[in-house]
Amino acid sequence: MARTTGPQKSDRILRFLVALRDDAVSAPLVAAGFGDDDLEEGWALLRRLSPPSVAGIEPEPVDPVGPAFERLEAWARRYIRLLEPAIERKHPALHAGLFGRLPALSGPTVVLAVDAFLDRVTELPKKRPNGLLARKLLARRGLTDDELTDARRLVRTVQGFPRERPGKPRTIPDYAAAEREAWAWYLEWSTVARAVISDGRVLRRLGFSARGKGADDGATAIGSNP
């Protein structure tokens, strides 16, 4: 016989509890000793199979790395590749120090390339001769201080992810133990139901096969199909 899975057990417990609204189901069980305390216990055990609260669950953060990485590559194309010819032509003595030996501007190394380039541009006004003039040229071509700040932010975003998610650690209930207890309750009362209900239609309403054809829920005896 196939093993009854956790979700199947929950479904069968729920089906049994809901079926108790029908007098044809509940009356024979009440006669066999089923009471409100048993009904409340069944619902309480079933509730334990779901999270007691979702308050401690942190929503998955939007991954900032993908968009930031793409923007970083676009930034490198715009402010490194396109500005290099201007520096090479107008300030050749500064060209190697600013653009030389940079990592590749695409793929994972772009973050290293942009990070190094930003440091070099920041130091450019200190270079003699013509460092300040070269920096002003870059600014006129769009590489302003604001652009440098934005690029630094992109670099930090890529370098700093993933971050630890905020919030207090959640206590995860022992769902396995809860499932065992709920299933034991179900096996007890489903066995009683099959013993005291003879109407095949009512049995099928509970999820059982009619008598003489075998049970289809694994509840023929307590402890079966754990």
N, C-alpha and C. Protein backbone atom coordinates (compact mmCIF):
# COMPACT_ATOMS: atom_id res chain seq x y z
N MET A 1 0.85 -1.20 0.00
CA MET A 1 0.00 0.00 0.00
C MET A 1 0.88 1.24 0.00
N ALA A 2 0.53 2.21 -0.80
CA ALA A 2 1.35 3.42 -0.90
C ALA A 2 1.36 4.17 0.43
N ARG A 3 2.48 4.76 0.70
CA ARG A 3 2.64 5.52 1.94
C ARG A 3 1.83 6.81 1.87
N THR A 4 1.12 7.12 2.96
CA THR A 4 0.34 8.35 3.01
C THR A 4 1.25 9.50 3.35
N THR A 5 1.26 10.51 2.51
CA THR A 5 2.15 11.65 2.72
C THR A 5 1.55 12.66 3.69
N GLY A 6 2.37 13.61 4.13
CA GLY A 6 1.91 14.64 5.05
C GLY A 6 0.72 15.43 4.54
N PRO A 7 0.79 15.98 3.32
CA PRO A 7 -0.36 16.72 2.79
C PRO A 7 -1.62 15.86 2.68
N GLN A 8 -1.45 14.57 2.32
CA GLN A 8 -2.61 13.69 2.23
C GLN A 8 -3.24 13.48 3.60
N LYS A 9 -2.40 13.38 4.62
CA LYS A 9 -2.92 13.21 5.98
C LYS A 9 -3.71 14.44 6.39
N SER A 10 -3.18 15.62 6.11
CA SER A 10 -3.90 16.85 6.45
C SER A 10 -5.23 16.91 5.73
N ASP A 11 -5.24 16.54 4.46
CA ASP A 11 -6.48 16.57 3.67
C ASP A 11 -7.53 15.63 4.28
N ARG A 12 -7.10 14.45 4.70
CA ARG A 12 -8.05 13.47 5.21
C ARG A 12 -8.59 13.87 6.59
N ILE A 13 -7.71 14.46 7.40
CA ILE A 13 -8.17 14.95 8.70
C ILE A 13 -9.19 16.06 8.51
N LEU A 14 -8.90 16.98 7.59
CA LEU A 14 -9.83 18.07 7.33
C LEU A 14 -11.15 17.54 6.78
N ARG A 15 -11.07 16.60 5.86
CA ARG A 15 -12.30 16.04 5.29
C ARG A 15 -13.15 15.38 6.36
N PHE A 16 -12.51 14.69 7.26
CA PHE A 16 -13.22 14.02 8.35
C PHE A 16 -13.91 15.04 9.25
N LEU A 17 -13.20 16.09 9.63
CA LEU A 17 -13.75 17.10 10.52
C LEU A 17 -14.93 17.83 9.88
N VAL A 18 -14.79 18.19 8.60
CA VAL A 18 -15.87 18.89 7.91
C VAL A 18 -17.09 17.99 7.75
N ALA A 19 -16.86 16.71 7.53
CA ALA A 19 -17.97 15.77 7.34
C ALA A 19 -18.81 15.63 8.61
N LEU A 20 -18.26 16.01 9.76
CA LEU A 20 -19.01 15.89 11.00
C LEU A 20 -20.20 16.84 11.06
N ARG A 21 -20.30 17.77 10.11
CA ARG A 21 -21.49 18.63 10.04
C ARG A 21 -22.74 17.81 9.70
N ASP A 22 -22.50 16.68 9.05
CA ASP A 22 -23.60 15.81 8.62
C ASP A 22 -24.02 14.91 9.78
N ASP A 23 -25.30 14.98 10.16
CA ASP A 23 -25.78 14.15 11.27
C ASP A 23 -25.58 12.66 11.02
N ALA A 24 -25.62 12.28 9.74
CA ALA A 24 -25.42 10.86 9.42
C ALA A 24 -24.02 10.41 9.79
N VAL A 25 -23.08 11.36 9.88
CA VAL A 25 -21.71 11.06 10.29
C VAL A 25 -21.55 11.23 11.79
N SER A 26 -22.02 12.37 12.30
CA SER A 26 -21.74 12.70 13.69
C SER A 26 -22.58 11.89 14.69
N ALA A 27 -23.84 11.60 14.34
CA ALA A 27 -24.71 10.91 15.30
C ALA A 27 -24.15 9.55 15.72
N PRO A 28 -23.71 8.69 14.77
CA PRO A 28 -23.14 7.40 15.21
C PRO A 28 -21.87 7.57 16.04
N LEU A 29 -21.08 8.60 15.72
CA LEU A 29 -19.85 8.83 16.48
C LEU A 29 -20.16 9.32 17.89
N VAL A 30 -21.16 10.20 18.01
CA VAL A 30 -21.56 10.68 19.34
C VAL A 30 -22.04 9.50 20.19
N ALA A 31 -22.77 8.60 19.55
CA ALA A 31 -23.24 7.41 20.28
C ALA A 31 -22.08 6.54 20.74
N ALA A 32 -20.95 6.65 20.00
CA ALA A 32 -19.77 5.84 20.36
C ALA A 32 -18.83 6.59 21.31
N GLY A 33 -19.26 7.78 21.76
CA GLY A 33 -18.47 8.50 22.76
C GLY A 33 -17.76 9.74 22.25
N PHE A 34 -17.97 10.11 21.00
CA PHE A 34 -17.33 11.31 20.44
C PHE A 34 -18.03 12.54 21.01
N GLY A 35 -17.26 13.48 21.56
CA GLY A 35 -17.82 14.67 22.18
C GLY A 35 -17.17 15.95 21.69
N ASP A 36 -17.63 17.06 22.26
CA ASP A 36 -17.09 18.36 21.85
C ASP A 36 -15.59 18.47 22.11
N ASP A 37 -15.14 17.84 23.19
CA ASP A 37 -13.71 17.91 23.49
C ASP A 37 -12.91 17.19 22.41
N ASP A 38 -13.45 16.10 21.87
CA ASP A 38 -12.77 15.39 20.78
C ASP A 38 -12.79 16.22 19.50
N LEU A 39 -13.90 16.89 19.26
CA LEU A 39 -13.99 17.76 18.08
C LEU A 39 -12.99 18.91 18.19
N GLU A 40 -12.93 19.54 19.35
CA GLU A 40 -11.99 20.65 19.54
C GLU A 40 -10.55 20.17 19.43
N GLU A 41 -10.30 18.97 19.96
CA GLU A 41 -8.94 18.42 19.87
C GLU A 41 -8.55 18.21 18.41
N GLY A 42 -9.47 17.68 17.62
CA GLY A 42 -9.16 17.45 16.21
C GLY A 42 -8.80 18.73 15.48
N TRP A 43 -9.62 19.77 15.68
CA TRP A 43 -9.32 21.05 15.04
C TRP A 43 -8.02 21.65 15.56
N ALA A 44 -7.76 21.53 16.85
CA ALA A 44 -6.53 22.08 17.44
C ALA A 44 -5.30 21.37 16.87
N LEU A 45 -5.39 20.05 16.74
CA LEU A 45 -4.26 19.30 16.19
C LEU A 45 -4.04 19.65 14.72
N LEU A 46 -5.12 19.85 13.98
CA LEU A 46 -4.98 20.22 12.58
C LEU A 46 -4.35 21.61 12.45
N ARG A 47 -4.74 22.53 13.32
CA ARG A 47 -4.16 23.88 13.27
C ARG A 47 -2.66 23.86 13.52
N ARG A 48 -2.20 22.92 14.31
CA ARG A 48 -0.77 22.83 14.60
C ARG A 48 0.06 22.42 13.38
N LEU A 49 -0.61 21.95 12.33
CA LEU A 49 0.11 21.57 11.12
C LEU A 49 0.39 22.76 10.21
N SER A 50 -0.13 23.93 10.58
CA SER A 50 0.14 25.15 9.82
C SER A 50 0.89 26.13 10.73
N PRO A 51 1.57 27.13 10.15
CA PRO A 51 2.33 28.08 10.98
C PRO A 51 1.42 28.80 11.96
N PRO A 52 1.85 28.96 13.21
CA PRO A 52 1.03 29.68 14.19
C PRO A 52 0.92 31.17 13.87
N SER A 53 1.89 31.66 13.11
CA SER A 53 1.90 33.09 12.75
C SER A 53 2.84 33.29 11.57
N VAL A 54 2.57 34.31 10.78
CA VAL A 54 3.47 34.68 9.70
C VAL A 54 4.17 36.01 9.99
N ALA A 55 3.98 36.49 11.23
CA ALA A 55 4.52 37.81 11.59
C ALA A 55 6.05 37.84 11.52
N GLY A 56 6.71 36.70 11.80
CA GLY A 56 8.16 36.70 11.80
C GLY A 56 8.80 36.37 10.47
N ILE A 57 7.97 36.18 9.44
CA ILE A 57 8.50 35.80 8.14
C ILE A 57 8.86 37.06 7.36
N GLU A 58 10.12 37.16 6.95
CA GLU A 58 10.57 38.31 6.18
C GLU A 58 10.31 38.06 4.71
N PRO A 59 9.70 39.01 4.02
CA PRO A 59 9.53 38.84 2.57
C PRO A 59 10.86 38.78 1.87
N GLU A 60 10.92 38.01 0.80
CA GLU A 60 12.15 37.92 0.03
C GLU A 60 12.51 39.29 -0.54
N PRO A 61 13.74 39.76 -0.29
CA PRO A 61 14.10 41.07 -0.81
C PRO A 61 14.28 41.05 -2.32
N VAL A 62 13.99 42.17 -2.93
CA VAL A 62 14.28 42.30 -4.35
C VAL A 62 15.80 42.32 -4.51
N ASP A 63 16.29 41.45 -5.36
CA ASP A 63 17.73 41.33 -5.55
C ASP A 63 18.27 42.58 -6.25
N PRO A 64 19.06 43.41 -5.55
CA PRO A 64 19.58 44.62 -6.18
C PRO A 64 20.79 44.38 -7.05
N VAL A 65 21.37 43.18 -6.96
CA VAL A 65 22.63 42.94 -7.65
C VAL A 65 22.45 42.92 -9.16
N GLY A 66 21.42 42.19 -9.62
CA GLY A 66 21.22 42.10 -11.07
C GLY A 66 21.12 43.45 -11.73
N PRO A 67 20.16 44.30 -11.31
CA PRO A 67 20.05 45.63 -11.92
C PRO A 67 21.30 46.47 -11.71
N ALA A 68 21.90 46.41 -10.51
CA ALA A 68 23.09 47.21 -10.24
C ALA A 68 24.26 46.76 -11.12
N PHE A 69 24.37 45.45 -11.32
CA PHE A 69 25.46 44.93 -12.15
C PHE A 69 25.31 45.39 -13.60
N GLU A 70 24.07 45.35 -14.09
CA GLU A 70 23.83 45.79 -15.47
C GLU A 70 24.13 47.28 -15.61
N ARG A 71 23.73 48.06 -14.62
CA ARG A 71 24.00 49.51 -14.66
C ARG A 71 25.49 49.78 -14.58
N LEU A 72 26.21 48.95 -13.82
CA LEU A 72 27.65 49.12 -13.70
C LEU A 72 28.35 48.87 -15.04
N GLU A 73 27.91 47.84 -15.76
CA GLU A 73 28.48 47.58 -17.08
C GLU A 73 28.17 48.72 -18.04
N ALA A 74 26.93 49.24 -17.97
CA ALA A 74 26.57 50.37 -18.83
C ALA A 74 27.40 51.61 -18.48
N TRP A 75 27.62 51.79 -17.19
CA TRP A 75 28.44 52.92 -16.73
C TRP A 75 29.86 52.80 -17.27
N ALA A 76 30.41 51.61 -17.22
CA ALA A 76 31.77 51.39 -17.71
C ALA A 76 31.87 51.68 -19.20
N ARG A 77 30.86 51.25 -19.95
CA ARG A 77 30.88 51.54 -21.38
C ARG A 77 30.81 53.05 -21.64
N ARG A 78 30.00 53.72 -20.84
CA ARG A 78 29.79 55.16 -21.07
C ARG A 78 30.98 56.00 -20.61
N TYR A 79 31.53 55.70 -19.46
CA TYR A 79 32.52 56.60 -18.88
C TYR A 79 33.95 56.08 -18.89
N ILE A 80 34.17 54.88 -19.30
CA ILE A 80 35.55 54.40 -19.43
C ILE A 80 35.89 54.24 -20.91
N ARG A 81 35.12 53.44 -21.62
CA ARG A 81 35.43 53.21 -23.03
C ARG A 81 35.32 54.49 -23.86
N LEU A 82 34.26 55.27 -23.65
CA LEU A 82 34.04 56.42 -24.51
C LEU A 82 34.91 57.62 -24.16
N LEU A 83 35.41 57.67 -22.94
CA LEU A 83 36.25 58.80 -22.55
C LEU A 83 37.74 58.53 -22.75
N GLU A 84 38.09 57.28 -22.92
CA GLU A 84 39.51 56.95 -23.08
C GLU A 84 40.15 57.64 -24.28
N PRO A 85 39.50 57.66 -25.46
CA PRO A 85 40.15 58.32 -26.60
C PRO A 85 40.46 59.80 -26.36
N ALA A 86 39.58 60.49 -25.61
CA ALA A 86 39.81 61.92 -25.35
C ALA A 86 41.06 62.12 -24.50
N ILE A 87 41.22 61.31 -23.47
CA ILE A 87 42.41 61.43 -22.62
C ILE A 87 43.65 61.02 -23.39
N GLU A 88 43.53 59.97 -24.18
CA GLU A 88 44.69 59.49 -24.94
C GLU A 88 45.18 60.55 -25.92
N ARG A 89 44.25 61.31 -26.49
CA ARG A 89 44.65 62.33 -27.46
C ARG A 89 45.13 63.62 -26.80
N LYS A 90 44.40 64.07 -25.77
CA LYS A 90 44.70 65.39 -25.20
C LYS A 90 45.66 65.34 -24.02
N HIS A 91 45.72 64.24 -23.32
CA HIS A 91 46.62 64.11 -22.17
C HIS A 91 47.30 62.75 -22.21
N PRO A 92 48.08 62.47 -23.21
CA PRO A 92 48.67 61.13 -23.38
C PRO A 92 49.54 60.70 -22.21
N ALA A 93 50.14 61.67 -21.52
CA ALA A 93 51.00 61.30 -20.39
C ALA A 93 50.20 60.72 -19.23
N LEU A 94 48.92 61.04 -19.18
CA LEU A 94 48.07 60.56 -18.10
C LEU A 94 47.28 59.30 -18.49
N HIS A 95 47.34 58.94 -19.77
CA HIS A 95 46.48 57.87 -20.26
C HIS A 95 46.75 56.54 -19.56
N ALA A 96 47.97 56.13 -19.50
CA ALA A 96 48.29 54.82 -18.92
C ALA A 96 47.92 54.75 -17.45
N GLY A 97 48.17 55.85 -16.72
CA GLY A 97 47.85 55.85 -15.29
C GLY A 97 46.36 55.80 -15.02
N LEU A 98 45.55 56.29 -15.97
CA LEU A 98 44.11 56.34 -15.76
C LEU A 98 43.41 55.10 -16.32
N PHE A 99 43.87 54.62 -17.49
CA PHE A 99 43.16 53.53 -18.15
C PHE A 99 43.96 52.23 -18.24
N GLY A 100 45.23 52.29 -17.94
CA GLY A 100 46.07 51.11 -18.12
C GLY A 100 45.79 50.00 -17.12
N ARG A 101 45.85 48.75 -17.60
CA ARG A 101 45.76 47.55 -16.78
C ARG A 101 44.45 47.46 -15.98
N LEU A 102 43.39 47.99 -16.55
CA LEU A 102 42.08 47.81 -15.90
C LEU A 102 41.54 46.42 -16.22
N PRO A 103 40.86 45.80 -15.28
CA PRO A 103 40.21 44.51 -15.59
C PRO A 103 39.16 44.70 -16.69
N ALA A 104 38.67 43.58 -17.20
CA ALA A 104 37.67 43.62 -18.26
C ALA A 104 36.44 44.39 -17.81
N LEU A 105 35.85 45.11 -18.76
CA LEU A 105 34.69 45.96 -18.45
C LEU A 105 33.36 45.25 -18.60
N SER A 106 33.39 43.94 -18.77
CA SER A 106 32.16 43.16 -18.82
C SER A 106 32.36 41.90 -18.00
N GLY A 107 31.26 41.34 -17.52
CA GLY A 107 31.37 40.16 -16.67
C GLY A 107 31.70 40.54 -15.24
N PRO A 108 32.05 39.56 -14.43
CA PRO A 108 32.27 39.80 -13.00
C PRO A 108 33.35 40.83 -12.68
N THR A 109 34.35 40.96 -13.57
CA THR A 109 35.46 41.87 -13.27
C THR A 109 35.12 43.33 -13.46
N VAL A 110 33.94 43.64 -13.98
CA VAL A 110 33.62 45.05 -14.20
C VAL A 110 33.59 45.81 -12.89
N VAL A 111 33.17 45.14 -11.81
CA VAL A 111 33.13 45.84 -10.53
C VAL A 111 34.53 46.24 -10.08
N LEU A 112 35.53 45.39 -10.37
CA LEU A 112 36.91 45.72 -10.04
C LEU A 112 37.42 46.86 -10.91
N ALA A 113 37.05 46.81 -12.19
CA ALA A 113 37.50 47.85 -13.12
C ALA A 113 36.94 49.21 -12.73
N VAL A 114 35.64 49.27 -12.46
CA VAL A 114 35.03 50.55 -12.11
C VAL A 114 35.58 51.05 -10.78
N ASP A 115 35.74 50.16 -9.83
CA ASP A 115 36.28 50.56 -8.52
C ASP A 115 37.66 51.18 -8.66
N ALA A 116 38.52 50.55 -9.46
CA ALA A 116 39.87 51.07 -9.66
C ALA A 116 39.83 52.40 -10.43
N PHE A 117 38.99 52.47 -11.42
CA PHE A 117 38.89 53.68 -12.23
C PHE A 117 38.41 54.86 -11.40
N LEU A 118 37.46 54.63 -10.52
CA LEU A 118 36.98 55.70 -9.65
C LEU A 118 38.09 56.24 -8.76
N ASP A 119 38.91 55.35 -8.22
CA ASP A 119 40.04 55.80 -7.41
C ASP A 119 41.01 56.64 -8.24
N ARG A 120 41.25 56.23 -9.47
CA ARG A 120 42.19 56.95 -10.32
C ARG A 120 41.66 58.33 -10.70
N VAL A 121 40.36 58.40 -11.00
CA VAL A 121 39.78 59.69 -11.36
C VAL A 121 39.82 60.63 -10.16
N THR A 122 39.56 60.11 -8.97
CA THR A 122 39.59 60.94 -7.76
C THR A 122 40.98 61.51 -7.52
N GLU A 123 42.01 60.73 -7.84
CA GLU A 123 43.38 61.18 -7.63
C GLU A 123 43.91 62.02 -8.79
N LEU A 124 43.16 62.08 -9.86
CA LEU A 124 43.64 62.74 -11.08
C LEU A 124 44.06 64.20 -10.87
N PRO A 125 43.30 65.03 -10.13
CA PRO A 125 43.72 66.44 -9.96
C PRO A 125 45.09 66.60 -9.29
N LYS A 126 45.54 65.57 -8.59
CA LYS A 126 46.83 65.65 -7.91
C LYS A 126 47.99 65.34 -8.85
N LYS A 127 47.67 64.81 -10.02
CA LYS A 127 48.73 64.43 -10.95
C LYS A 127 49.29 65.67 -11.63
N ARG A 128 50.57 65.70 -11.77
CA ARG A 128 51.24 66.81 -12.44
C ARG A 128 52.07 66.27 -13.60
N PRO A 129 52.06 66.95 -14.71
CA PRO A 129 51.24 68.13 -15.01
C PRO A 129 49.90 67.73 -15.60
N ASN A 130 48.99 68.66 -15.66
CA ASN A 130 47.72 68.57 -16.38
C ASN A 130 46.68 67.65 -15.75
N GLY A 131 46.88 67.22 -14.53
CA GLY A 131 45.89 66.35 -13.90
C GLY A 131 44.55 67.05 -13.71
N LEU A 132 44.59 68.31 -13.26
CA LEU A 132 43.36 69.06 -13.05
C LEU A 132 42.64 69.32 -14.37
N LEU A 133 43.43 69.63 -15.42
CA LEU A 133 42.84 69.86 -16.74
C LEU A 133 42.16 68.59 -17.26
N ALA A 134 42.78 67.46 -17.04
CA ALA A 134 42.20 66.20 -17.47
C ALA A 134 40.90 65.90 -16.72
N ARG A 135 40.90 66.21 -15.44
CA ARG A 135 39.68 65.99 -14.65
C ARG A 135 38.55 66.88 -15.15
N LYS A 136 38.86 68.12 -15.48
CA LYS A 136 37.85 69.04 -16.00
C LYS A 136 37.33 68.56 -17.36
N LEU A 137 38.21 67.99 -18.16
CA LEU A 137 37.78 67.46 -19.45
C LEU A 137 36.78 66.32 -19.25
N LEU A 138 37.09 65.43 -18.32
CA LEU A 138 36.18 64.32 -18.04
C LEU A 138 34.82 64.83 -17.55
N ALA A 139 34.86 65.87 -16.71
CA ALA A 139 33.60 66.43 -16.20
C ALA A 139 32.77 67.03 -17.32
N ARG A 140 33.43 67.70 -18.25
CA ARG A 140 32.70 68.28 -19.38
C ARG A 140 32.07 67.19 -20.25
N ARG A 141 32.70 66.02 -20.28
CA ARG A 141 32.15 64.91 -21.06
C ARG A 141 31.11 64.09 -20.27
N GLY A 142 30.77 64.57 -19.09
CA GLY A 142 29.71 63.93 -18.33
C GLY A 142 30.12 63.23 -17.05
N LEU A 143 31.41 63.03 -16.85
CA LEU A 143 31.87 62.32 -15.66
C LEU A 143 32.02 63.32 -14.51
N THR A 144 30.89 63.75 -13.97
CA THR A 144 30.86 64.73 -12.90
C THR A 144 31.07 64.04 -11.55
N ASP A 145 31.18 64.86 -10.51
CA ASP A 145 31.30 64.30 -9.17
C ASP A 145 30.06 63.49 -8.78
N ASP A 146 28.89 63.95 -9.24
CA ASP A 146 27.67 63.20 -8.95
C ASP A 146 27.71 61.82 -9.60
N GLU A 147 28.25 61.75 -10.82
CA GLU A 147 28.37 60.45 -11.49
C GLU A 147 29.32 59.54 -10.74
N LEU A 148 30.40 60.11 -10.21
CA LEU A 148 31.33 59.31 -9.42
C LEU A 148 30.64 58.75 -8.18
N THR A 149 29.83 59.59 -7.52
CA THR A 149 29.11 59.15 -6.33
C THR A 149 28.13 58.03 -6.66
N ASP A 150 27.40 58.18 -7.76
CA ASP A 150 26.46 57.13 -8.17
C ASP A 150 27.18 55.83 -8.48
N ALA A 151 28.32 55.93 -9.12
CA ALA A 151 29.09 54.72 -9.45
C ALA A 151 29.60 54.04 -8.19
N ARG A 152 30.03 54.83 -7.21
CA ARG A 152 30.47 54.26 -5.93
C ARG A 152 29.33 53.48 -5.28
N ARG A 153 28.14 54.05 -5.38
CA ARG A 153 26.98 53.39 -4.79
C ARG A 153 26.69 52.05 -5.48
N LEU A 154 26.81 52.03 -6.79
CA LEU A 154 26.60 50.78 -7.53
C LEU A 154 27.63 49.73 -7.14
N VAL A 155 28.88 50.18 -7.03
CA VAL A 155 29.95 49.25 -6.65
C VAL A 155 29.68 48.66 -5.27
N ARG A 156 29.27 49.49 -4.33
CA ARG A 156 28.99 49.00 -2.97
C ARG A 156 27.80 48.03 -2.97
N THR A 157 26.81 48.32 -3.80
CA THR A 157 25.66 47.43 -3.88
C THR A 157 26.07 46.05 -4.34
N VAL A 158 26.89 46.00 -5.38
CA VAL A 158 27.33 44.70 -5.91
C VAL A 158 28.27 44.01 -4.93
N GLN A 159 29.19 44.75 -4.34
CA GLN A 159 30.16 44.13 -3.44
C GLN A 159 29.54 43.70 -2.12
N GLY A 160 28.49 44.38 -1.69
CA GLY A 160 27.93 44.12 -0.37
C GLY A 160 26.80 43.13 -0.34
N PHE A 161 26.45 42.48 -1.45
CA PHE A 161 25.34 41.54 -1.47
C PHE A 161 25.86 40.11 -1.56
N PRO A 162 25.25 39.11 -0.90
CA PRO A 162 24.03 39.23 -0.13
C PRO A 162 24.26 39.75 1.27
N ARG A 163 23.29 40.44 1.80
CA ARG A 163 23.36 40.95 3.16
C ARG A 163 22.55 40.05 4.08
N GLU A 164 22.85 40.13 5.37
CA GLU A 164 22.04 39.39 6.32
C GLU A 164 20.66 40.02 6.38
N ARG A 165 19.67 39.21 6.36
CA ARG A 165 18.31 39.72 6.41
C ARG A 165 17.97 40.15 7.82
N PRO A 166 17.30 41.29 7.97
CA PRO A 166 16.98 41.77 9.31
C PRO A 166 15.90 40.92 9.95
N GLY A 167 15.69 41.19 11.22
CA GLY A 167 14.61 40.50 11.92
C GLY A 167 15.13 39.44 12.87
N LYS A 168 14.30 39.11 13.84
CA LYS A 168 14.67 38.09 14.82
C LYS A 168 14.47 36.70 14.23
N PRO A 169 15.32 35.76 14.61
CA PRO A 169 15.14 34.40 14.11
C PRO A 169 13.81 33.81 14.60
N ARG A 170 13.13 33.10 13.71
CA ARG A 170 11.84 32.51 14.05
C ARG A 170 12.02 31.15 14.70
N THR A 171 11.12 30.82 15.59
CA THR A 171 11.07 29.48 16.15
C THR A 171 10.17 28.63 15.27
N ILE A 172 10.74 27.59 14.69
CA ILE A 172 9.97 26.72 13.79
C ILE A 172 9.32 25.62 14.61
N PRO A 173 7.99 25.49 14.55
CA PRO A 173 7.32 24.43 15.31
C PRO A 173 7.78 23.05 14.87
N ASP A 174 7.57 22.08 15.74
CA ASP A 174 7.90 20.70 15.43
C ASP A 174 6.72 20.10 14.64
N TYR A 175 6.74 20.32 13.33
CA TYR A 175 5.62 19.88 12.50
C TYR A 175 5.52 18.36 12.44
N ALA A 176 6.66 17.69 12.52
CA ALA A 176 6.63 16.22 12.46
C ALA A 176 5.86 15.65 13.65
N ALA A 177 6.14 16.19 14.84
CA ALA A 177 5.43 15.72 16.04
C ALA A 177 3.95 16.07 15.96
N ALA A 178 3.65 17.27 15.47
CA ALA A 178 2.25 17.69 15.34
C ALA A 178 1.51 16.78 14.37
N GLU A 179 2.19 16.40 13.29
CA GLU A 179 1.56 15.52 12.31
C GLU A 179 1.29 14.15 12.91
N ARG A 180 2.23 13.63 13.69
CA ARG A 180 2.03 12.32 14.31
C ARG A 180 0.81 12.33 15.24
N GLU A 181 0.69 13.40 16.03
CA GLU A 181 -0.43 13.48 16.97
C GLU A 181 -1.76 13.64 16.25
N ALA A 182 -1.78 14.48 15.21
CA ALA A 182 -3.02 14.67 14.46
C ALA A 182 -3.44 13.39 13.75
N TRP A 183 -2.45 12.69 13.19
CA TRP A 183 -2.76 11.45 12.47
C TRP A 183 -3.24 10.37 13.43
N ALA A 184 -2.67 10.34 14.62
CA ALA A 184 -3.12 9.36 15.61
C ALA A 184 -4.58 9.62 16.00
N TRP A 185 -4.94 10.92 16.14
CA TRP A 185 -6.33 11.27 16.43
C TRP A 185 -7.24 10.79 15.30
N TYR A 186 -6.81 11.03 14.07
CA TYR A 186 -7.61 10.64 12.91
C TYR A 186 -7.78 9.13 12.84
N LEU A 187 -6.68 8.41 13.04
CA LEU A 187 -6.76 6.95 12.97
C LEU A 187 -7.71 6.39 14.03
N GLU A 188 -7.68 6.98 15.22
CA GLU A 188 -8.59 6.52 16.27
C GLU A 188 -10.05 6.68 15.85
N TRP A 189 -10.41 7.89 15.44
CA TRP A 189 -11.82 8.17 15.18
C TRP A 189 -12.28 7.67 13.82
N SER A 190 -11.37 7.56 12.86
CA SER A 190 -11.78 6.97 11.58
C SER A 190 -12.04 5.47 11.75
N THR A 191 -11.28 4.83 12.62
CA THR A 191 -11.53 3.41 12.90
C THR A 191 -12.89 3.23 13.56
N VAL A 192 -13.20 4.13 14.51
CA VAL A 192 -14.51 4.08 15.16
C VAL A 192 -15.61 4.31 14.13
N ALA A 193 -15.40 5.31 13.25
CA ALA A 193 -16.42 5.63 12.24
C ALA A 193 -16.71 4.43 11.35
N ARG A 194 -15.67 3.72 10.93
CA ARG A 194 -15.89 2.57 10.05
C ARG A 194 -16.59 1.44 10.79
N ALA A 195 -16.44 1.43 12.13
CA ALA A 195 -17.08 0.36 12.90
C ALA A 195 -18.56 0.66 13.15
N VAL A 196 -18.93 1.94 13.23
CA VAL A 196 -20.31 2.27 13.63
C VAL A 196 -21.17 2.78 12.48
N ILE A 197 -20.58 3.07 11.33
CA ILE A 197 -21.34 3.56 10.17
C ILE A 197 -21.38 2.45 9.13
N SER A 198 -22.57 2.12 8.73
CA SER A 198 -22.74 1.03 7.76
C SER A 198 -23.12 1.52 6.37
N ASP A 199 -23.61 2.73 6.27
CA ASP A 199 -24.05 3.28 5.00
C ASP A 199 -22.83 3.59 4.13
N GLY A 200 -22.74 2.90 2.98
CA GLY A 200 -21.58 3.11 2.11
C GLY A 200 -21.45 4.52 1.60
N ARG A 201 -22.58 5.20 1.37
CA ARG A 201 -22.54 6.57 0.88
C ARG A 201 -21.92 7.50 1.93
N VAL A 202 -22.26 7.27 3.19
CA VAL A 202 -21.70 8.08 4.28
C VAL A 202 -20.21 7.80 4.44
N LEU A 203 -19.83 6.54 4.31
CA LEU A 203 -18.41 6.19 4.41
C LEU A 203 -17.60 6.87 3.30
N ARG A 204 -18.18 6.87 2.10
CA ARG A 204 -17.47 7.52 1.00
C ARG A 204 -17.36 9.03 1.23
N ARG A 205 -18.37 9.61 1.89
CA ARG A 205 -18.33 11.02 2.23
C ARG A 205 -17.15 11.32 3.16
N LEU A 206 -16.82 10.36 3.96
CA LEU A 206 -15.68 10.49 4.87
C LEU A 206 -14.34 10.18 4.19
N GLY A 207 -14.42 9.69 2.95
CA GLY A 207 -13.20 9.35 2.24
C GLY A 207 -12.84 7.88 2.33
N PHE A 208 -13.75 7.05 2.86
CA PHE A 208 -13.49 5.62 2.99
C PHE A 208 -14.16 4.87 1.86
N SER A 209 -13.64 3.67 1.59
CA SER A 209 -14.34 2.76 0.70
C SER A 209 -15.48 2.10 1.47
N ALA A 210 -16.46 1.65 0.73
CA ALA A 210 -17.56 0.95 1.39
C ALA A 210 -17.04 -0.33 2.01
N ARG A 211 -17.73 -0.81 3.01
CA ARG A 211 -17.30 -2.03 3.71
C ARG A 211 -17.21 -3.20 2.75
N GLY A 212 -16.20 -4.01 2.99
CA GLY A 212 -16.03 -5.19 2.17
C GLY A 212 -15.16 -4.95 0.95
N LYS A 213 -14.84 -3.67 0.68
CA LYS A 213 -14.02 -3.35 -0.49
C LYS A 213 -12.66 -2.81 -0.09
N GLY A 214 -12.40 -2.76 1.22
CA GLY A 214 -11.11 -2.27 1.67
C GLY A 214 -11.13 -0.77 1.81
N ALA A 215 -10.37 -0.27 2.76
CA ALA A 215 -10.31 1.18 2.98
C ALA A 215 -9.36 1.79 1.99
N ASP A 216 -9.69 3.00 1.53
CA ASP A 216 -8.82 3.66 0.58
C ASP A 216 -8.02 4.79 1.21
N ASP A 217 -8.04 4.85 2.55
CA ASP A 217 -7.31 5.94 3.19
C ASP A 217 -6.24 5.45 4.14
N GLY A 218 -6.01 4.16 4.20
CA GLY A 218 -4.96 3.66 5.08
C GLY A 218 -5.37 3.68 6.54
N ALA A 219 -6.66 3.78 6.87
CA ALA A 219 -7.09 3.88 8.25
C ALA A 219 -7.82 2.63 8.71
N THR A 220 -7.49 1.48 8.15
CA THR A 220 -8.16 0.25 8.54
C THR A 220 -7.83 -0.17 9.95
N ALA A 221 -6.64 0.28 10.42
CA ALA A 221 -6.25 -0.04 11.79
C ALA A 221 -5.36 1.07 12.31
N ILE A 222 -5.46 1.31 13.58
CA ILE A 222 -4.62 2.34 14.17
C ILE A 222 -3.15 1.97 14.00
N GLY A 223 -2.40 2.94 13.52
CA GLY A 223 -0.98 2.71 13.32
C GLY A 223 -0.62 2.33 11.90
N SER A 224 -1.65 2.10 11.03
CA SER A 224 -1.33 1.73 9.66
C SER A 224 -0.89 2.96 8.88
N ASN A 225 0.01 2.75 7.93
CA ASN A 225 0.49 3.82 7.05
C ASN A 225 0.91 5.07 7.81
N PRO A 226 1.81 5.01 8.75
CA PRO A 226 2.18 6.18 9.51
C PRO A 226 2.82 7.20 8.61
